[in-house]
Protein backbone atom coordinates (compact mmCIF):
# COMPACT_ATOMS: atom_id res chain seq x y z
CA MET A 1 -8.28 -11.22 -15.51
CA THR A 2 -11.54 -9.54 -14.21
CA LEU A 3 -11.32 -7.01 -11.98
CA ARG A 4 -14.97 -7.26 -10.09
CA ARG A 5 -16.39 -3.53 -9.63
CA ASN A 6 -14.36 -3.12 -5.82
CA GLN A 7 -11.43 -4.22 -7.02
CA LEU A 8 -11.75 -1.17 -9.29
CA ALA A 9 -12.60 0.68 -7.15
CA ALA A 10 -9.23 -0.58 -4.63
CA LEU A 11 -6.70 -0.11 -7.47
CA ALA A 12 -7.74 3.35 -8.06
CA GLY A 13 -6.61 4.09 -4.57
CA ALA A 14 -3.67 2.30 -4.82
CA ILE A 15 -2.40 4.14 -8.12
CA GLU A 16 -4.16 7.45 -6.28
CA ARG A 17 -1.55 6.81 -4.00
CA VAL A 18 1.99 6.04 -5.89
CA MET A 19 0.70 8.73 -7.93
CA ARG A 20 1.68 11.30 -4.71
CA PHE A 21 5.30 10.84 -5.18
CA ASP A 22 6.16 11.13 -1.12
CA ALA A 23 7.90 7.45 -1.41
CA PRO A 24 9.11 5.15 -4.01
CA ALA A 25 6.16 3.37 -6.01
CA ASP A 26 6.32 -0.06 -4.20
CA ALA A 27 6.42 1.26 -1.04
CA ALA A 28 3.46 3.68 -1.53
CA LEU A 29 2.13 0.23 -3.48
CA SER A 30 3.07 -1.76 -0.48
CA ALA A 31 1.84 1.07 1.95
CA PHE A 32 -1.97 1.24 0.46
CA PHE A 33 -2.76 -2.67 1.01
CA ARG A 34 -1.54 -2.49 4.58
CA GLU A 35 -3.43 0.24 4.87
CA HIS A 36 -6.74 -1.34 3.25
CA PRO A 37 -6.56 -5.39 3.95
CA GLU A 38 -9.89 -6.11 3.60
CA ILE A 39 -8.35 -6.04 -0.83
CA GLY A 40 -6.69 -9.76 0.95
CA ASP A 41 -3.79 -11.73 1.56
CA MET A 42 -3.53 -12.57 -2.90
CA VAL A 43 -3.39 -9.18 -4.99
CA PRO A 44 -4.22 -10.22 -7.74
CA VAL A 45 -1.11 -9.82 -10.46
CA ALA A 46 -3.47 -7.24 -12.85
CA PHE A 47 -2.99 -4.08 -9.50
CA TYR A 48 1.30 -3.86 -9.70
CA ARG A 49 1.03 -3.87 -14.14
CA ALA A 50 -1.98 -1.24 -13.47
CA VAL A 51 -0.17 0.87 -11.30
CA ALA A 52 3.45 0.06 -13.13
CA ASP A 53 0.63 0.83 -16.88
CA VAL A 54 0.55 4.49 -15.31
CA LEU A 55 3.48 4.73 -13.51
CA ALA A 56 5.09 4.13 -17.31
CA ILE A 57 3.31 6.64 -18.82
CA VAL A 58 3.71 9.29 -16.45
CA TYR A 59 6.87 9.07 -17.01
CA ARG A 60 7.58 8.98 -20.01
CA ALA A 61 5.44 12.10 -19.94
CA LYS A 62 7.58 14.06 -18.06
CA ARG A 63 10.70 13.23 -19.61
CA LYS A 64 9.16 14.24 -23.13
CA ARG A 65 8.65 17.72 -21.91
CA GLY A 66 11.51 17.46 -20.07
CA ALA A 67 10.12 17.87 -16.27
């Protein structure tokens, strides 16, 4: 799937929201989409995969550093 410019911007916002680590990732992502109804009801699977990939990279890096 190819993301459009506005979808890519929304994805960056979603990742930024999740990376605050002030809530579980699924709750933070859900809150982001509620706060941005212009994204629409159908959230591309690519959004979830991208956020999961970023979180996996962050957690691996933290574990590797022993944090």
